[in-house]
Amino acid sequence: MSKKAFGPVLAFCLVSTFGAAAQAQSILEKIKRDGVLKVCMPQIVPDLYKDPKTGEWTGVMADLLNTLATWIKVKIQPVEVGGFEPALLTLKQGNCDLIGSSMVYNAPRSMEVNFIRPFGAKGINAVMLKTNPKGLKVPADMNTPDITIATSLGSREHETATRLFPKAKLLAVKVPASIQILEHVKRGDANVAVLPAITVQWWLQVAENAAWGAMAFPGQDFGNAPNGWAIRYGDSDWKDFLDNYSGYVTANNIASKLYDDYMQRSNPFARPQQ
């Protein structure tokens, strides 16, 4: 190609590149302009769940979202999704601005979405029958063909169980709320169900649950990983803004205090089924 021909082509490429960059508006600018923050809302207790009586979103992450929205004077627009896999797809399609539940890190998820600075970390534990018919003592005892592990399809517990306990049988079920997998243990379809440790603790505070179920490995949480929100890749301004908010939350120990508060003052598992 001659220098004369190359010049216009180079100029066109530069203009196109910088033009596209100028058009890629940050979510931060969008919410400042529109006053609305669209949040993907996969339900997980006690982090983010819908009150069956009022229809209002509540939980630790709901409080953190509402605090942020009030502070920057924007409105939260919930985008209800049936689990983390639909949340990932909805986010990537541009139909929400962030995943606002307790998104727990793992490497495959991180290839799809950009995790903001975490609010803390969460471990996993399991629920078994109170009689412990398999004689489970440590998490490694689940790594045998004699054990069937119930897990919510597509959850981080599903990924962790697949990775840590490859010899076990996995019963991965699609449920609107992850806590529903416990029915498989009660019915005998599975020996254990893996859930966030804090969810197991909360669920067992209800007497009727503790009458038949028990935490399989007290004081032995496994699969610990950072938890927080996630956004699309490619928006550094939005990422920096949310990282700074998370830093503020961490510096003031807000998330930890909220978890303690919810554990003490409310328990959705104790509410009658609607």
C-alpha atoms as a PDB file:
ATOM      1  CA  MET A   1       0.000   0.000   0.000  1.00  0.00           C
ATOM      2  CA  SER A   2       1.340   3.452  -0.916  1.00  0.00           C
ATOM      3  CA  LYS A   3       1.941   6.093   1.735  1.00  0.00           C
ATOM      4  CA  LYS A   4      -0.790   8.216   0.117  1.00  0.00           C
ATOM      5  CA  ALA A   5      -3.306   5.392   0.437  1.00  0.00           C
ATOM      6  CA  PHE A   6      -2.162   4.418   3.935  1.00  0.00           C
ATOM      7  CA  GLY A   7      -2.663   7.911   5.371  1.00  0.00           C
ATOM      8  CA  PRO A   8      -6.457   8.127   4.942  1.00  0.00           C
ATOM      9  CA  VAL A   9      -6.896   4.538   6.198  1.00  0.00           C
ATOM     10  CA  LEU A  10      -4.900   5.287   9.341  1.00  0.00           C
ATOM     11  CA  ALA A  11      -6.832   8.473   9.938  1.00  0.00           C
ATOM     12  CA  PHE A  12     -10.138   6.628   9.530  1.00  0.00           C
ATOM     13  CA  CYS A  13      -9.064   3.933  12.018  1.00  0.00           C
ATOM     14  CA  LEU A  14      -8.022   6.521  14.585  1.00  0.00           C
ATOM     15  CA  VAL A  15     -11.252   8.468  14.221  1.00  0.00           C
ATOM     16  CA  SER A  16     -13.317   5.261  14.485  1.00  0.00           C
ATOM     17  CA  THR A  17     -11.416   4.103  17.566  1.00  0.00           C
ATOM     18  CA  PHE A  18     -11.678   7.373  19.428  1.00  0.00           C
ATOM     19  CA  GLY A  19     -15.293   7.808  18.296  1.00  0.00           C
ATOM     20  CA  ALA A  20     -16.261   4.419  19.688  1.00  0.00           C
ATOM     21  CA  ALA A  21     -14.480   5.174  22.945  1.00  0.00           C
ATOM     22  CA  ALA A  22     -16.328   8.455  23.272  1.00  0.00           C
ATOM     23  CA  GLN A  23     -19.663   6.683  22.756  1.00  0.00           C
ATOM     24  CA  ALA A  24     -18.951   4.061  25.465  1.00  0.00           C
ATOM     25  CA  GLN A  25     -20.603   5.937  28.296  1.00  0.00           C
ATOM     26  CA  SER A  26     -19.911   4.783  31.824  1.00  0.00           C
ATOM     27  CA  ILE A  27     -22.798   3.456  33.920  1.00  0.00           C
ATOM     28  CA  LEU A  28     -21.759   6.099  36.426  1.00  0.00           C
ATOM     29  CA  GLU A  29     -22.644   8.845  33.951  1.00  0.00           C
ATOM     30  CA  LYS A  30     -25.884   7.077  32.999  1.00  0.00           C
ATOM     31  CA  ILE A  31     -27.209   6.855  36.549  1.00  0.00           C
ATOM     32  CA  LYS A  32     -26.189  10.452  37.228  1.00  0.00           C
ATOM     33  CA  ARG A  33     -28.188  11.495  34.189  1.00  0.00           C
ATOM     34  CA  ASP A  34     -31.235   9.234  34.656  1.00  0.00           C
ATOM     35  CA  GLY A  35     -31.324   8.951  38.452  1.00  0.00           C
ATOM     36  CA  VAL A  36     -31.984   5.191  38.227  1.00  0.00           C
ATOM     37  CA  LEU A  37     -29.767   2.236  39.141  1.00  0.00           C
ATOM     38  CA  LYS A  38     -30.919  -1.091  37.677  1.00  0.00           C
ATOM     39  CA  VAL A  39     -29.904  -3.975  39.938  1.00  0.00           C
ATOM     40  CA  CYS A  40     -30.091  -7.706  39.196  1.00  0.00           C
ATOM     41  CA  MET A  41     -31.659  -9.329  42.272  1.00  0.00           C
ATOM     42  CA  PRO A  42     -31.029 -13.076  42.683  1.00  0.00           C
ATOM     43  CA  GLN A  43     -32.463 -14.147  46.038  1.00  0.00           C
ATOM     44  CA  ILE A  44     -30.232 -15.583  48.747  1.00  0.00           C
ATOM     45  CA  VAL A  45     -30.921 -15.435  52.482  1.00  0.00           C
ATOM     46  CA  PRO A  46     -29.871 -13.441  54.517  1.00  0.00           C
ATOM     47  CA  ASP A  47     -28.186 -11.335  51.856  1.00  0.00           C
ATOM     48  CA  LEU A  48     -31.032 -10.346  49.543  1.00  0.00           C
ATOM     49  CA  TYR A  49     -34.579 -11.661  49.550  1.00  0.00           C
ATOM     50  CA  LYS A  50     -38.128 -10.513  48.950  1.00  0.00           C
ATOM     51  CA  ASP A  51     -40.424 -10.241  51.941  1.00  0.00           C
ATOM     52  CA  PRO A  52     -43.374 -12.561  51.101  1.00  0.00           C
ATOM     53  CA  LYS A  53     -45.820 -10.296  52.923  1.00  0.00           C
ATOM     54  CA  THR A  54     -44.792  -6.862  51.664  1.00  0.00           C
ATOM     55  CA  GLY A  55     -42.978  -7.696  48.428  1.00  0.00           C
ATOM     56  CA  GLU A  56     -40.136  -5.443  49.552  1.00  0.00           C
ATOM     57  CA  TRP A  57     -36.507  -6.414  49.096  1.00  0.00           C
ATOM     58  CA  THR A  58     -34.647  -6.857  52.352  1.00  0.00           C
ATOM     59  CA  GLY A  59     -31.407  -8.310  53.681  1.00  0.00           C
ATOM     60  CA  VAL A  60     -27.819  -7.161  54.101  1.00  0.00           C
ATOM     61  CA  MET A  61     -27.234  -6.372  50.426  1.00  0.00           C
ATOM     62  CA  ALA A  62     -30.584  -4.602  50.149  1.00  0.00           C
ATOM     63  CA  ASP A  63     -29.528  -2.321  52.999  1.00  0.00           C
ATOM     64  CA  LEU A  64     -26.171  -1.624  51.361  1.00  0.00           C
ATOM     65  CA  LEU A  65     -27.884  -0.861  48.045  1.00  0.00           C
ATOM     66  CA  ASN A  66     -30.441   1.438  49.655  1.00  0.00           C
ATOM     67  CA  THR A  67     -27.750   3.264  51.626  1.00  0.00           C
ATOM     68  CA  LEU A  68     -25.809   3.902  48.427  1.00  0.00           C
ATOM     69  CA  ALA A  69     -28.907   4.982  46.496  1.00  0.00           C
ATOM     70  CA  THR A  70     -29.982   7.414  49.219  1.00  0.00           C
ATOM     71  CA  TRP A  71     -26.479   8.816  49.478  1.00  0.00           C
ATOM     72  CA  ILE A  72     -26.146   9.558  45.743  1.00  0.00           C
ATOM     73  CA  LYS A  73     -29.859  10.389  45.329  1.00  0.00           C
ATOM     74  CA  VAL A  74     -30.856   7.754  42.785  1.00  0.00           C
ATOM     75  CA  LYS A  75     -33.694   5.222  42.658  1.00  0.00           C
ATOM     76  CA  ILE A  76     -33.123   1.452  42.764  1.00  0.00           C
ATOM     77  CA  GLN A  77     -34.920  -0.416  39.965  1.00  0.00           C
ATOM     78  CA  PRO A  78     -34.935  -4.125  40.903  1.00  0.00           C
ATOM     79  CA  VAL A  79     -34.477  -6.639  38.095  1.00  0.00           C
ATOM     80  CA  GLU A  80     -35.653  -9.928  39.599  1.00  0.00           C
ATOM     81  CA  VAL A  81     -33.807 -12.983  38.290  1.00  0.00           C
ATOM     82  CA  GLY A  82     -34.100 -16.641  39.223  1.00  0.00           C
ATOM     83  CA  GLY A  83     -30.563 -17.345  40.388  1.00  0.00           C
ATOM     84  CA  PHE A  84     -26.996 -16.357  39.635  1.00  0.00           C
ATOM     85  CA  GLU A  85     -26.754 -17.886  36.155  1.00  0.00           C
ATOM     86  CA  PRO A  86     -29.714 -15.809  34.869  1.00  0.00           C
ATOM     87  CA  ALA A  87     -28.200 -12.813  36.692  1.00  0.00           C
ATOM     88  CA  LEU A  88     -24.929 -13.231  34.799  1.00  0.00           C
ATOM     89  CA  LEU A  89     -26.778 -13.372  31.483  1.00  0.00           C
ATOM     90  CA  THR A  90     -28.996 -10.400  32.325  1.00  0.00           C
ATOM     91  CA  LEU A  91     -25.985  -8.324  33.326  1.00  0.00           C
ATOM     92  CA  LYS A  92     -24.012  -9.207  30.199  1.00  0.00           C
ATOM     93  CA  GLN A  93     -27.020  -8.334  28.026  1.00  0.00           C
ATOM     94  CA  GLY A  94     -27.024  -4.838  29.554  1.00  0.00           C
ATOM     95  CA  ASN A  95     -30.400  -5.205  31.250  1.00  0.00           C
ATOM     96  CA  CYS A  96     -29.022  -4.321  34.690  1.00  0.00           C
ATOM     97  CA  ASP A  97     -26.095  -2.232  35.917  1.00  0.00           C
ATOM     98  CA  LEU A  98     -24.799  -4.592  38.600  1.00  0.00           C
ATOM     99  CA  ILE A  99     -25.547  -7.849  40.392  1.00  0.00           C
ATOM    100  CA  GLY A 100     -26.509  -6.663  43.851  1.00  0.00           C
ATOM    101  CA  SER A 101     -26.762  -9.903  45.790  1.00  0.00           C
ATOM    102  CA  SER A 102     -23.914 -11.647  47.578  1.00  0.00           C
ATOM    103  CA  MET A 103     -21.873 -12.626  44.535  1.00  0.00           C
ATOM    104  CA  VAL A 104     -19.157 -14.971  45.794  1.00  0.00           C
ATOM    105  CA  TYR A 105     -15.930 -15.138  43.830  1.00  0.00           C
ATOM    106  CA  ASN A 106     -14.727 -18.080  41.834  1.00  0.00           C
ATOM    107  CA  ALA A 107     -12.439 -18.092  38.803  1.00  0.00           C
ATOM    108  CA  PRO A 108     -15.009 -19.245  36.189  1.00  0.00           C
ATOM    109  CA  ARG A 109     -17.413 -16.478  37.275  1.00  0.00           C
ATOM    110  CA  SER A 110     -14.611 -13.946  37.173  1.00  0.00           C
ATOM    111  CA  MET A 111     -14.049 -14.782  33.506  1.00  0.00           C
ATOM    112  CA  GLU A 112     -17.598 -13.591  32.839  1.00  0.00           C
ATOM    113  CA  VAL A 113     -18.073 -10.616  35.195  1.00  0.00           C
ATOM    114  CA  ASN A 114     -15.930  -8.073  37.005  1.00  0.00           C
ATOM    115  CA  PHE A 115     -16.093  -8.419  40.796  1.00  0.00           C
ATOM    116  CA  ILE A 116     -15.876  -5.183  42.758  1.00  0.00           C
ATOM    117  CA  ARG A 117     -13.864  -4.926  45.951  1.00  0.00           C
ATOM    118  CA  PRO A 118     -15.466  -7.458  48.353  1.00  0.00           C
ATOM    119  CA  PHE A 119     -17.517  -6.544  51.406  1.00  0.00           C
ATOM    120  CA  GLY A 120     -16.190  -9.601  53.238  1.00  0.00           C
ATOM    121  CA  ALA A 121     -15.881 -13.364  52.766  1.00  0.00           C
ATOM    122  CA  LYS A 122     -18.211 -16.333  53.054  1.00  0.00           C
ATOM    123  CA  GLY A 123     -17.647 -19.998  53.749  1.00  0.00           C
ATOM    124  CA  ILE A 124     -19.745 -23.044  52.919  1.00  0.00           C
ATOM    125  CA  ASN A 125     -21.113 -25.721  55.208  1.00  0.00           C
ATOM    126  CA  ALA A 126     -23.665 -28.488  54.881  1.00  0.00           C
ATOM    127  CA  VAL A 127     -26.945 -29.630  56.378  1.00  0.00           C
ATOM    128  CA  MET A 128     -27.412 -33.323  57.150  1.00  0.00           C
ATOM    129  CA  LEU A 129     -29.955 -35.356  59.075  1.00  0.00           C
ATOM    130  CA  LYS A 130     -29.573 -34.831  62.805  1.00  0.00           C
ATOM    131  CA  THR A 131     -28.892 -38.536  63.282  1.00  0.00           C
ATOM    132  CA  ASN A 132     -25.800 -38.297  61.008  1.00  0.00           C
ATOM    133  CA  PRO A 133     -26.354 -41.762  59.472  1.00  0.00           C
ATOM    134  CA  LYS A 134     -23.156 -41.526  57.393  1.00  0.00           C
ATOM    135  CA  GLY A 135     -20.978 -40.641  60.400  1.00  0.00           C
ATOM    136  CA  LEU A 136     -19.626 -37.463  58.796  1.00  0.00           C
ATOM    137  CA  LYS A 137     -16.874 -35.714  60.777  1.00  0.00           C
ATOM    138  CA  VAL A 138     -14.897 -33.514  58.352  1.00  0.00           C
ATOM    139  CA  PRO A 139     -15.738 -32.037  54.913  1.00  0.00           C
ATOM    140  CA  ALA A 140     -13.382 -34.517  53.210  1.00  0.00           C
ATOM    141  CA  ASP A 141     -15.777 -37.291  54.287  1.00  0.00           C
ATOM    142  CA  MET A 142     -18.127 -36.103  51.543  1.00  0.00           C
ATOM    143  CA  ASN A 143     -15.636 -37.039  48.828  1.00  0.00           C
ATOM    144  CA  THR A 144     -16.873 -40.569  48.320  1.00  0.00           C
ATOM    145  CA  PRO A 145     -19.322 -42.283  45.934  1.00  0.00           C
ATOM    146  CA  ASP A 146     -21.440 -43.205  48.954  1.00  0.00           C
ATOM    147  CA  ILE A 147     -22.427 -39.553  49.499  1.00  0.00           C
ATOM    148  CA  THR A 148     -24.996 -37.608  47.485  1.00  0.00           C
ATOM    149  CA  ILE A 149     -24.656 -33.844  47.741  1.00  0.00           C
ATOM    150  CA  ALA A 150     -27.630 -31.610  46.952  1.00  0.00           C
ATOM    151  CA  THR A 151     -26.780 -28.195  45.558  1.00  0.00           C
ATOM    152  CA  SER A 152     -28.460 -25.346  43.720  1.00  0.00           C
ATOM    153  CA  LEU A 153     -27.692 -25.583  40.005  1.00  0.00           C
ATOM    154  CA  GLY A 154     -25.217 -22.910  38.881  1.00  0.00           C
ATOM    155  CA  SER A 155     -24.479 -21.669  42.391  1.00  0.00           C
ATOM    156  CA  ARG A 156     -20.970 -21.158  43.724  1.00  0.00           C
ATOM    157  CA  GLU A 157     -21.692 -24.056  46.112  1.00  0.00           C
ATOM    158  CA  HIS A 158     -22.340 -26.217  43.040  1.00  0.00           C
ATOM    159  CA  GLU A 159     -18.989 -25.211  41.516  1.00  0.00           C
ATOM    160  CA  THR A 160     -17.135 -25.691  44.813  1.00  0.00           C
ATOM    161  CA  ALA A 161     -18.653 -29.113  45.503  1.00  0.00           C
ATOM    162  CA  THR A 162     -17.791 -30.257  41.979  1.00  0.00           C
ATOM    163  CA  ARG A 163     -14.198 -29.152  42.461  1.00  0.00           C
ATOM    164  CA  LEU A 164     -13.581 -30.249  46.067  1.00  0.00           C
ATOM    165  CA  PHE A 165     -15.601 -33.489  46.142  1.00  0.00           C
ATOM    166  CA  PRO A 166     -15.233 -35.054  42.663  1.00  0.00           C
ATOM    167  CA  LYS A 167     -15.976 -38.590  43.892  1.00  0.00           C
ATOM    168  CA  ALA A 168     -19.353 -37.681  45.418  1.00  0.00           C
ATOM    169  CA  LYS A 169     -22.654 -37.858  43.575  1.00  0.00           C
ATOM    170  CA  LEU A 170     -24.055 -34.406  42.896  1.00  0.00           C
ATOM    171  CA  LEU A 171     -27.760 -33.647  42.844  1.00  0.00           C
ATOM    172  CA  ALA A 172     -27.807 -30.200  41.234  1.00  0.00           C
ATOM    173  CA  VAL A 173     -31.360 -28.852  41.157  1.00  0.00           C
ATOM    174  CA  LYS A 174     -32.814 -25.671  39.717  1.00  0.00           C
ATOM    175  CA  VAL A 175     -34.779 -23.886  42.456  1.00  0.00           C
ATOM    176  CA  PRO A 176     -36.129 -20.326  42.865  1.00  0.00           C
ATOM    177  CA  ALA A 177     -34.376 -20.040  46.250  1.00  0.00           C
ATOM    178  CA  SER A 178     -31.314 -22.089  47.191  1.00  0.00           C
ATOM    179  CA  ILE A 179     -32.709 -22.981  50.618  1.00  0.00           C
ATOM    180  CA  GLN A 180     -35.256 -25.259  48.914  1.00  0.00           C
ATOM    181  CA  ILE A 181     -32.562 -27.877  48.260  1.00  0.00           C
ATOM    182  CA  LEU A 182     -32.828 -28.884  51.933  1.00  0.00           C
ATOM    183  CA  GLU A 183     -36.030 -30.758  51.153  1.00  0.00           C
ATOM    184  CA  HIS A 184     -33.911 -33.322  49.302  1.00  0.00           C
ATOM    185  CA  VAL A 185     -32.035 -34.111  52.512  1.00  0.00           C
ATOM    186  CA  LYS A 186     -35.242 -34.345  54.539  1.00  0.00           C
ATOM    187  CA  ARG A 187     -36.781 -36.721  51.964  1.00  0.00           C
ATOM    188  CA  GLY A 188     -33.631 -38.823  51.734  1.00  0.00           C
ATOM    189  CA  ASP A 189     -32.766 -37.992  48.126  1.00  0.00           C
ATOM    190  CA  ALA A 190     -29.407 -36.597  49.319  1.00  0.00           C
ATOM    191  CA  ASN A 191     -27.177 -37.117  52.332  1.00  0.00           C
ATOM    192  CA  VAL A 192     -26.191 -33.460  52.635  1.00  0.00           C
ATOM    193  CA  ALA A 193     -27.050 -30.092  51.108  1.00  0.00           C
ATOM    194  CA  VAL A 194     -24.325 -27.471  50.736  1.00  0.00           C
ATOM    195  CA  LEU A 195     -25.161 -23.817  51.400  1.00  0.00           C
ATOM    196  CA  PRO A 196     -23.424 -20.663  52.667  1.00  0.00           C
ATOM    197  CA  ALA A 197     -22.511 -21.266  56.303  1.00  0.00           C
ATOM    198  CA  ILE A 198     -24.386 -18.182  57.480  1.00  0.00           C
ATOM    199  CA  THR A 199     -27.547 -19.436  55.752  1.00  0.00           C
ATOM    200  CA  VAL A 200     -27.212 -22.790  57.510  1.00  0.00           C
ATOM    201  CA  GLN A 201     -26.806 -21.064  60.895  1.00  0.00           C
ATOM    202  CA  TRP A 202     -29.870 -18.902  60.324  1.00  0.00           C
ATOM    203  CA  TRP A 203     -32.016 -21.766  59.094  1.00  0.00           C
ATOM    204  CA  LEU A 204     -31.140 -23.876  62.137  1.00  0.00           C
ATOM    205  CA  GLN A 205     -32.349 -21.140  64.490  1.00  0.00           C
ATOM    206  CA  VAL A 206     -35.868 -22.309  63.657  1.00  0.00           C
ATOM    207  CA  ALA A 207     -36.869 -25.093  66.068  1.00  0.00           C
ATOM    208  CA  GLU A 208     -38.785 -27.163  63.510  1.00  0.00           C
ATOM    209  CA  ASN A 209     -35.703 -27.213  61.238  1.00  0.00           C
ATOM    210  CA  ALA A 210     -33.297 -28.079  64.047  1.00  0.00           C
ATOM    211  CA  ALA A 211     -35.620 -30.933  65.023  1.00  0.00           C
ATOM    212  CA  TRP A 212     -34.464 -32.964  62.026  1.00  0.00           C
ATOM    213  CA  GLY A 213     -31.439 -31.173  60.545  1.00  0.00           C
ATOM    214  CA  ALA A 214     -27.975 -30.257  61.791  1.00  0.00           C
ATOM    215  CA  MET A 215     -24.862 -28.467  60.546  1.00  0.00           C
ATOM    216  CA  ALA A 216     -22.587 -31.210  59.281  1.00  0.00           C
ATOM    217  CA  PHE A 217     -19.254 -29.576  60.106  1.00  0.00           C
ATOM    218  CA  PRO A 218     -19.454 -27.008  62.936  1.00  0.00           C
ATOM    219  CA  GLY A 219     -16.402 -24.749  62.928  1.00  0.00           C
ATOM    220  CA  GLN A 220     -15.151 -26.318  59.679  1.00  0.00           C
ATOM    221  CA  ASP A 221     -16.414 -24.059  56.901  1.00  0.00           C
ATOM    222  CA  PHE A 222     -14.847 -24.786  53.527  1.00  0.00           C
ATOM    223  CA  GLY A 223     -14.573 -23.023  50.169  1.00  0.00           C
ATOM    224  CA  ASN A 224     -14.100 -19.589  51.756  1.00  0.00           C
ATOM    225  CA  ALA A 225     -14.136 -16.806  49.166  1.00  0.00           C
ATOM    226  CA  PRO A 226     -14.711 -13.015  48.928  1.00  0.00           C
ATOM    227  CA  ASN A 227     -18.286 -11.847  48.396  1.00  0.00           C
ATOM    228  CA  GLY A 228     -19.794  -8.658  47.021  1.00  0.00           C
ATOM    229  CA  TRP A 229     -21.239  -7.205  43.817  1.00  0.00           C
ATOM    230  CA  ALA A 230     -20.286  -7.695  40.182  1.00  0.00           C
ATOM    231  CA  ILE A 231     -20.469  -5.609  37.000  1.00  0.00           C
ATOM    232  CA  ARG A 232     -19.557  -5.916  33.330  1.00  0.00           C
ATOM    233  CA  TYR A 233     -15.948  -5.638  32.275  1.00  0.00           C
ATOM    234  CA  GLY A 234     -14.783  -2.499  30.488  1.00  0.00           C
ATOM    235  CA  ASP A 235     -16.177   0.264  32.728  1.00  0.00           C
ATOM    236  CA  SER A 236     -13.307   1.436  34.924  1.00  0.00           C
ATOM    237  CA  ASP A 237     -15.123   4.545  36.206  1.00  0.00           C
ATOM    238  CA  TRP A 238     -18.067   2.487  37.494  1.00  0.00           C
ATOM    239  CA  LYS A 239     -15.700  -0.106  38.967  1.00  0.00           C
ATOM    240  CA  ASP A 240     -13.658   2.584  40.765  1.00  0.00           C
ATOM    241  CA  PHE A 241     -16.796   4.189  42.172  1.00  0.00           C
ATOM    242  CA  LEU A 242     -18.145   0.907  43.560  1.00  0.00           C
ATOM    243  CA  ASP A 243     -14.731  -0.129  44.883  1.00  0.00           C
ATOM    244  CA  ASN A 244     -14.563   3.117  46.838  1.00  0.00           C
ATOM    245  CA  TYR A 245     -18.052   2.544  48.263  1.00  0.00           C
ATOM    246  CA  SER A 246     -17.050  -0.976  49.306  1.00  0.00           C
ATOM    247  CA  GLY A 247     -13.941   0.479  50.930  1.00  0.00           C
ATOM    248  CA  TYR A 248     -16.146   2.819  52.962  1.00  0.00           C
ATOM    249  CA  VAL A 249     -18.392  -0.090  54.014  1.00  0.00           C
ATOM    250  CA  THR A 250     -15.382  -2.169  55.045  1.00  0.00           C
ATOM    251  CA  ALA A 251     -13.667   0.688  56.911  1.00  0.00           C
ATOM    252  CA  ASN A 252     -16.772   1.125  59.058  1.00  0.00           C
ATOM    253  CA  ASN A 253     -17.474  -2.607  59.459  1.00  0.00           C
ATOM    254  CA  ILE A 254     -20.987  -1.988  58.124  1.00  0.00           C
ATOM    255  CA  ALA A 255     -21.574  -5.310  56.363  1.00  0.00           C
ATOM    256  CA  SER A 256     -20.439  -7.366  59.356  1.00  0.00           C
ATOM    257  CA  LYS A 257     -22.716  -5.391  61.685  1.00  0.00           C
ATOM    258  CA  LEU A 258     -25.649  -5.857  59.310  1.00  0.00           C
ATOM    259  CA  TYR A 259     -25.157  -9.632  59.203  1.00  0.00           C
ATOM    260  CA  ASP A 260     -25.105  -9.745  63.005  1.00  0.00           C
ATOM    261  CA  ASP A 261     -28.178  -7.525  63.200  1.00  0.00           C
ATOM    262  CA  TYR A 262     -30.202  -9.639  60.765  1.00  0.00           C
ATOM    263  CA  MET A 263     -29.256 -12.820  62.592  1.00  0.00           C
ATOM    264  CA  GLN A 264     -30.600 -11.368  65.851  1.00  0.00           C
ATOM    265  CA  ARG A 265     -33.693  -9.433  64.852  1.00  0.00           C
ATOM    266  CA  SER A 266     -35.328 -11.332  62.021  1.00  0.00           C
ATOM    267  CA  ASN A 267     -35.538 -14.770  60.483  1.00  0.00           C
ATOM    268  CA  PRO A 268     -37.520 -15.290  57.275  1.00  0.00           C
ATOM    269  CA  PHE A 269     -37.321 -19.067  57.694  1.00  0.00           C
ATOM    270  CA  ALA A 270     -39.573 -18.750  60.744  1.00  0.00           C
ATOM    271  CA  ARG A 271     -42.352 -17.078  58.793  1.00  0.00           C
ATOM    272  CA  PRO A 272     -45.357 -19.159  57.783  1.00  0.00           C
ATOM    273  CA  GLN A 273     -45.455 -20.272  54.160  1.00  0.00           C
ATOM    274  CA  GLN A 274     -47.626 -18.067  52.003  1.00  0.00           C
END
